Amino acid sequence: MFHERIKSATTTDHQNAEKHSYGQEIMSRTLTKDQYGHLLIANYRYIKPWEDQWSETTFDTTALQLDMRKKASLLEDDMRSLGIDPTKIETTPLETSASYAEFMGRMYVIEGSTMGGAVIVKQLGLNPNLEGLSFKFYGGYGPDLLNNWRSFLGVLNTIENKTDQDIAIESAKATFNAMEECFIQAKTAQV
């Protein structure tokens, strides 16, 4: 199945992006409010402009049920709980996906991060430094998480043409690399 190939091909890129996302602090429950703000800003910098492009796609995305997959508003709510004004966040300039395969490569990264969010949200909720804050983004789809992930993989696995798969893989790699840069830049943001 294609989802296994894309996962294998992007493992290093995924790990590189995760190096900058405060994983140790999250798991040890020592993440500070500023660090949490950095994570929200990093995700918002990429996700907001990408979601804004969805209406510009020239290919059929109906099977993805994009309306239920939007995350920018969740990030905005979480940032507001920290006193961060989302309208002041500089977003990453992104080129519109040129093809369905390229779009799906980006989607793979963002949807996959929702799976990781299920682990993260538990740790954030147990962190005394973050008491009283909102964790909507990392809470993702809540009880619908696995069903939504399986639904996404079902659509992803319809990409059978090797050329299209290669395009999706390169797009996913580029997305992981762009997210890594967002994490690096966000660490210097004023929260």
C-alpha atoms as a PDB file:
ATOM      1  CA  MET A   1       0.000   0.000   0.000  1.00  0.00           C
ATOM      2  CA  PHE A   2       1.205   3.471  -0.806  1.00  0.00           C
ATOM      3  CA  HIS A   3       0.904   4.767   2.754  1.00  0.00           C
ATOM      4  CA  GLU A   4       3.630   2.321   3.791  1.00  0.00           C
ATOM      5  CA  ARG A   5       5.917   3.522   0.993  1.00  0.00           C
ATOM      6  CA  ILE A   6       5.449   7.227   1.784  1.00  0.00           C
ATOM      7  CA  LYS A   7       6.016   6.600   5.497  1.00  0.00           C
ATOM      8  CA  SER A   8       9.243   4.733   4.819  1.00  0.00           C
ATOM      9  CA  ALA A   9      10.491   7.288   2.282  1.00  0.00           C
ATOM     10  CA  THR A  10       9.919  10.243   4.618  1.00  0.00           C
ATOM     11  CA  THR A  11      11.098   8.777   7.925  1.00  0.00           C
ATOM     12  CA  THR A  12      14.310  10.819   8.076  1.00  0.00           C
ATOM     13  CA  ASP A  13      12.521  14.049   7.149  1.00  0.00           C
ATOM     14  CA  HIS A  14       9.897  13.343   9.803  1.00  0.00           C
ATOM     15  CA  GLN A  15      12.556  12.722  12.450  1.00  0.00           C
ATOM     16  CA  ASN A  16      14.412  15.912  11.486  1.00  0.00           C
ATOM     17  CA  ALA A  17      11.270  18.000  11.922  1.00  0.00           C
ATOM     18  CA  GLU A  18      10.518  16.369  15.272  1.00  0.00           C
ATOM     19  CA  LYS A  19      13.975  17.283  16.602  1.00  0.00           C
ATOM     20  CA  HIS A  20      12.824  20.891  16.828  1.00  0.00           C
ATOM     21  CA  SER A  21       9.384  20.353  18.313  1.00  0.00           C
ATOM     22  CA  TYR A  22      10.172  20.086  22.048  1.00  0.00           C
ATOM     23  CA  GLY A  23       9.475  16.354  22.178  1.00  0.00           C
ATOM     24  CA  GLN A  24      11.539  15.758  25.317  1.00  0.00           C
ATOM     25  CA  GLU A  25       9.893  18.653  27.137  1.00  0.00           C
ATOM     26  CA  ILE A  26       6.433  17.465  26.110  1.00  0.00           C
ATOM     27  CA  MET A  27       7.008  13.911  27.286  1.00  0.00           C
ATOM     28  CA  SER A  28       8.668  14.958  30.567  1.00  0.00           C
ATOM     29  CA  ARG A  29       5.834  17.452  31.195  1.00  0.00           C
ATOM     30  CA  THR A  30       8.274  20.345  31.542  1.00  0.00           C
ATOM     31  CA  LEU A  31       7.143  22.285  28.469  1.00  0.00           C
ATOM     32  CA  THR A  32       6.709  25.963  29.363  1.00  0.00           C
ATOM     33  CA  LYS A  33       3.935  28.261  28.207  1.00  0.00           C
ATOM     34  CA  ASP A  34       6.400  30.045  25.909  1.00  0.00           C
ATOM     35  CA  GLN A  35       7.492  26.751  24.363  1.00  0.00           C
ATOM     36  CA  TYR A  36       3.870  25.722  23.898  1.00  0.00           C
ATOM     37  CA  GLY A  37       3.278  29.044  22.179  1.00  0.00           C
ATOM     38  CA  HIS A  38       6.250  28.383  19.893  1.00  0.00           C
ATOM     39  CA  LEU A  39       4.725  25.042  18.868  1.00  0.00           C
ATOM     40  CA  LEU A  40       1.364  26.622  18.099  1.00  0.00           C
ATOM     41  CA  ILE A  41       2.975  29.430  16.100  1.00  0.00           C
ATOM     42  CA  ALA A  42       5.129  26.982  14.119  1.00  0.00           C
ATOM     43  CA  ASN A  43       2.126  24.887  13.126  1.00  0.00           C
ATOM     44  CA  TYR A  44       0.011  27.940  12.340  1.00  0.00           C
ATOM     45  CA  ARG A  45       2.678  29.447  10.082  1.00  0.00           C
ATOM     46  CA  TYR A  46       2.314  26.497   7.717  1.00  0.00           C
ATOM     47  CA  ILE A  47      -1.227  25.248   8.233  1.00  0.00           C
ATOM     48  CA  LYS A  48      -3.068  28.580   7.901  1.00  0.00           C
ATOM     49  CA  PRO A  49      -1.790  29.505   4.408  1.00  0.00           C
ATOM     50  CA  TRP A  50      -2.127  25.915   3.267  1.00  0.00           C
ATOM     51  CA  GLU A  51      -5.765  25.672   4.321  1.00  0.00           C
ATOM     52  CA  ASP A  52      -6.421  29.057   2.703  1.00  0.00           C
ATOM     53  CA  GLN A  53      -5.331  27.498  -0.604  1.00  0.00           C
ATOM     54  CA  TRP A  54      -7.825  24.649  -0.485  1.00  0.00           C
ATOM     55  CA  SER A  55     -10.492  26.652  -2.290  1.00  0.00           C
ATOM     56  CA  GLU A  56      -8.038  27.289  -5.145  1.00  0.00           C
ATOM     57  CA  THR A  57      -7.434  23.651  -6.025  1.00  0.00           C
ATOM     58  CA  THR A  58      -8.276  22.635  -9.566  1.00  0.00           C
ATOM     59  CA  PHE A  59      -8.659  18.942  -8.759  1.00  0.00           C
ATOM     60  CA  ASP A  60     -11.360  17.028  -6.933  1.00  0.00           C
ATOM     61  CA  THR A  61     -10.784  16.801  -3.171  1.00  0.00           C
ATOM     62  CA  THR A  62     -14.336  15.759  -2.261  1.00  0.00           C
ATOM     63  CA  ALA A  63     -13.287  12.342  -0.916  1.00  0.00           C
ATOM     64  CA  LEU A  64     -11.007  14.043   1.629  1.00  0.00           C
ATOM     65  CA  GLN A  65     -13.880  15.869   3.365  1.00  0.00           C
ATOM     66  CA  LEU A  66     -11.635  18.897   3.841  1.00  0.00           C
ATOM     67  CA  ASP A  67     -14.097  20.911   5.915  1.00  0.00           C
ATOM     68  CA  MET A  68     -13.769  18.468   8.805  1.00  0.00           C
ATOM     69  CA  ARG A  69      -9.969  18.438   8.503  1.00  0.00           C
ATOM     70  CA  LYS A  70      -9.393  22.163   9.088  1.00  0.00           C
ATOM     71  CA  LYS A  71      -7.004  22.898  11.930  1.00  0.00           C
ATOM     72  CA  ALA A  72      -6.157  26.625  11.674  1.00  0.00           C
ATOM     73  CA  SER A  73      -9.154  27.669  13.774  1.00  0.00           C
ATOM     74  CA  LEU A  74      -8.126  25.174  16.478  1.00  0.00           C
ATOM     75  CA  LEU A  75      -4.652  26.700  16.524  1.00  0.00           C
ATOM     76  CA  GLU A  76      -6.172  30.184  16.728  1.00  0.00           C
ATOM     77  CA  ASP A  77      -8.248  29.192  19.770  1.00  0.00           C
ATOM     78  CA  ASP A  78      -5.208  27.672  21.477  1.00  0.00           C
ATOM     79  CA  MET A  79      -3.066  30.725  20.748  1.00  0.00           C
ATOM     80  CA  ARG A  80      -5.730  33.029  22.145  1.00  0.00           C
ATOM     81  CA  SER A  81      -5.733  30.979  25.378  1.00  0.00           C
ATOM     82  CA  LEU A  82      -2.075  32.026  25.690  1.00  0.00           C
ATOM     83  CA  GLY A  83      -2.803  35.650  24.811  1.00  0.00           C
ATOM     84  CA  ILE A  84      -1.288  35.349  21.316  1.00  0.00           C
ATOM     85  CA  ASP A  85      -3.072  37.262  18.552  1.00  0.00           C
ATOM     86  CA  PRO A  86      -3.164  34.973  15.481  1.00  0.00           C
ATOM     87  CA  THR A  87      -3.567  37.965  13.153  1.00  0.00           C
ATOM     88  CA  LYS A  88      -0.047  39.063  14.156  1.00  0.00           C
ATOM     89  CA  ILE A  89       1.564  35.770  13.096  1.00  0.00           C
ATOM     90  CA  GLU A  90       3.593  35.891   9.900  1.00  0.00           C
ATOM     91  CA  THR A  91       2.695  32.827   7.843  1.00  0.00           C
ATOM     92  CA  THR A  92       4.878  30.881   5.443  1.00  0.00           C
ATOM     93  CA  PRO A  93       4.486  31.763   1.772  1.00  0.00           C
ATOM     94  CA  LEU A  94       3.402  28.586  -0.013  1.00  0.00           C
ATOM     95  CA  GLU A  95       2.958  27.812  -3.653  1.00  0.00           C
ATOM     96  CA  THR A  96      -0.397  26.265  -4.462  1.00  0.00           C
ATOM     97  CA  SER A  97      -0.182  22.510  -5.017  1.00  0.00           C
ATOM     98  CA  ALA A  98       0.290  21.944  -8.730  1.00  0.00           C
ATOM     99  CA  SER A  99      -1.265  18.483  -8.697  1.00  0.00           C
ATOM    100  CA  TYR A 100      -3.427  16.153  -6.671  1.00  0.00           C
ATOM    101  CA  ALA A 101      -0.375  14.031  -5.829  1.00  0.00           C
ATOM    102  CA  GLU A 102       1.496  17.080  -4.498  1.00  0.00           C
ATOM    103  CA  PHE A 103      -1.543  18.079  -2.441  1.00  0.00           C
ATOM    104  CA  MET A 104      -1.780  14.588  -0.973  1.00  0.00           C
ATOM    105  CA  GLY A 105       1.889  14.648   0.019  1.00  0.00           C
ATOM    106  CA  ARG A 106       1.261  17.798   2.064  1.00  0.00           C
ATOM    107  CA  MET A 107      -1.928  16.354   3.460  1.00  0.00           C
ATOM    108  CA  TYR A 108      -0.077  13.209   4.560  1.00  0.00           C
ATOM    109  CA  VAL A 109       2.231  15.256   6.788  1.00  0.00           C
ATOM    110  CA  ILE A 110      -0.501  17.379   8.352  1.00  0.00           C
ATOM    111  CA  GLU A 111      -2.926  14.509   8.882  1.00  0.00           C
ATOM    112  CA  GLY A 112      -0.120  12.371  10.291  1.00  0.00           C
ATOM    113  CA  SER A 113       0.695  15.088  12.798  1.00  0.00           C
ATOM    114  CA  THR A 114      -2.861  14.754  14.066  1.00  0.00           C
ATOM    115  CA  MET A 115      -2.072  11.163  15.004  1.00  0.00           C
ATOM    116  CA  GLY A 116       0.950  12.309  16.994  1.00  0.00           C
ATOM    117  CA  GLY A 117      -1.233  14.953  18.590  1.00  0.00           C
ATOM    118  CA  ALA A 118      -3.196  12.241  20.397  1.00  0.00           C
ATOM    119  CA  VAL A 119      -0.080  11.347  22.383  1.00  0.00           C
ATOM    120  CA  ILE A 120       0.947  14.976  22.863  1.00  0.00           C
ATOM    121  CA  VAL A 121      -2.417  16.208  24.150  1.00  0.00           C
ATOM    122  CA  LYS A 122      -2.332  13.712  27.023  1.00  0.00           C
ATOM    123  CA  GLN A 123       1.061  14.992  28.150  1.00  0.00           C
ATOM    124  CA  LEU A 124       0.059  18.641  27.766  1.00  0.00           C
ATOM    125  CA  GLY A 125      -3.000  18.060  29.936  1.00  0.00           C
ATOM    126  CA  LEU A 126      -0.823  16.593  32.702  1.00  0.00           C
ATOM    127  CA  ASN A 127       1.753  19.401  32.577  1.00  0.00           C
ATOM    128  CA  PRO A 128       1.328  21.739  35.563  1.00  0.00           C
ATOM    129  CA  ASN A 129       2.978  24.584  33.602  1.00  0.00           C
ATOM    130  CA  LEU A 130       0.077  24.565  31.140  1.00  0.00           C
ATOM    131  CA  GLU A 131      -2.856  24.404  33.525  1.00  0.00           C
ATOM    132  CA  GLY A 132      -5.958  26.190  32.252  1.00  0.00           C
ATOM    133  CA  LEU A 133      -4.805  26.381  28.617  1.00  0.00           C
ATOM    134  CA  SER A 134      -6.587  25.126  25.532  1.00  0.00           C
ATOM    135  CA  PHE A 135      -5.303  22.064  23.633  1.00  0.00           C
ATOM    136  CA  LYS A 136      -7.808  21.933  20.768  1.00  0.00           C
ATOM    137  CA  PHE A 137      -5.188  21.575  18.014  1.00  0.00           C
ATOM    138  CA  TYR A 138      -3.409  18.637  19.605  1.00  0.00           C
ATOM    139  CA  GLY A 139      -6.749  17.119  20.588  1.00  0.00           C
ATOM    140  CA  GLY A 140      -7.444  16.966  16.871  1.00  0.00           C
ATOM    141  CA  TYR A 141     -10.406  14.861  16.005  1.00  0.00           C
ATOM    142  CA  GLY A 142     -11.023  13.510  19.491  1.00  0.00           C
ATOM    143  CA  PRO A 143     -12.806  10.135  19.398  1.00  0.00           C
ATOM    144  CA  ASP A 144     -12.981  10.289  15.580  1.00  0.00           C
ATOM    145  CA  LEU A 145      -9.184  10.289  15.227  1.00  0.00           C
ATOM    146  CA  LEU A 146      -8.682   6.695  14.046  1.00  0.00           C
ATOM    147  CA  ASN A 147     -11.676   6.739  11.727  1.00  0.00           C
ATOM    148  CA  ASN A 148     -10.511   9.992  10.136  1.00  0.00           C
ATOM    149  CA  TRP A 149      -6.960   8.667   9.740  1.00  0.00           C
ATOM    150  CA  ARG A 150      -8.211   5.440   8.135  1.00  0.00           C
ATOM    151  CA  SER A 151     -10.446   7.461   5.842  1.00  0.00           C
ATOM    152  CA  PHE A 152      -7.492   9.599   4.800  1.00  0.00           C
ATOM    153  CA  LEU A 153      -5.292   6.552   4.181  1.00  0.00           C
ATOM    154  CA  GLY A 154      -8.041   5.047   2.041  1.00  0.00           C
ATOM    155  CA  VAL A 155      -7.918   8.115  -0.202  1.00  0.00           C
ATOM    156  CA  LEU A 156      -4.096   8.290  -0.137  1.00  0.00           C
ATOM    157  CA  ASN A 157      -3.828   4.657  -1.196  1.00  0.00           C
ATOM    158  CA  THR A 158      -5.793   5.375  -4.391  1.00  0.00           C
ATOM    159  CA  ILE A 159      -2.601   6.964  -5.742  1.00  0.00           C
ATOM    160  CA  GLU A 160      -1.301   3.946  -7.621  1.00  0.00           C
ATOM    161  CA  ASN A 161       0.738   5.465 -10.449  1.00  0.00           C
ATOM    162  CA  LYS A 162       4.456   5.388  -9.474  1.00  0.00           C
ATOM    163  CA  THR A 163       5.101   8.836 -10.933  1.00  0.00           C
ATOM    164  CA  ASP A 164       2.263  10.305  -8.875  1.00  0.00           C
ATOM    165  CA  GLN A 165       3.490   8.435  -5.799  1.00  0.00           C
ATOM    166  CA  ASP A 166       6.963   9.899  -6.316  1.00  0.00           C
ATOM    167  CA  ILE A 167       5.469  13.397  -6.564  1.00  0.00           C
ATOM    168  CA  ALA A 168       3.496  12.853  -3.351  1.00  0.00           C
ATOM    169  CA  ILE A 169       6.626  11.597  -1.574  1.00  0.00           C
ATOM    170  CA  GLU A 170       8.680  14.609  -2.681  1.00  0.00           C
ATOM    171  CA  SER A 171       5.862  16.897  -1.574  1.00  0.00           C
ATOM    172  CA  ALA A 172       5.717  15.207   1.832  1.00  0.00           C
ATOM    173  CA  LYS A 173       9.485  15.551   2.204  1.00  0.00           C
ATOM    174  CA  ALA A 174       9.289  19.236   1.296  1.00  0.00           C
ATOM    175  CA  THR A 175       6.451  19.695   3.794  1.00  0.00           C
ATOM    176  CA  PHE A 176       8.417  18.059   6.606  1.00  0.00           C
ATOM    177  CA  ASN A 177      11.376  20.287   5.745  1.00  0.00           C
ATOM    178  CA  ALA A 178       9.180  23.404   5.691  1.00  0.00           C
ATOM    179  CA  MET A 179       7.656  22.427   9.026  1.00  0.00           C
ATOM    180  CA  GLU A 180      11.145  21.911  10.450  1.00  0.00           C
ATOM    181  CA  GLU A 181      12.006  25.460   9.391  1.00  0.00           C
ATOM    182  CA  CYS A 182       8.770  26.733  10.962  1.00  0.00           C
ATOM    183  CA  PHE A 183       9.723  25.049  14.259  1.00  0.00           C
ATOM    184  CA  ILE A 184      13.212  26.575  14.160  1.00  0.00           C
ATOM    185  CA  GLN A 185      11.915  30.065  13.379  1.00  0.00           C
ATOM    186  CA  ALA A 186       9.131  29.906  15.962  1.00  0.00           C
ATOM    187  CA  LYS A 187      11.593  29.307  18.797  1.00  0.00           C
ATOM    188  CA  THR A 188      12.622  32.941  18.510  1.00  0.00           C
ATOM    189  CA  ALA A 189       9.057  34.286  18.409  1.00  0.00           C
ATOM    190  CA  GLN A 190       7.827  36.570  21.161  1.00  0.00           C
ATOM    191  CA  VAL A 191       5.022  34.833  23.020  1.00  0.00           C
END
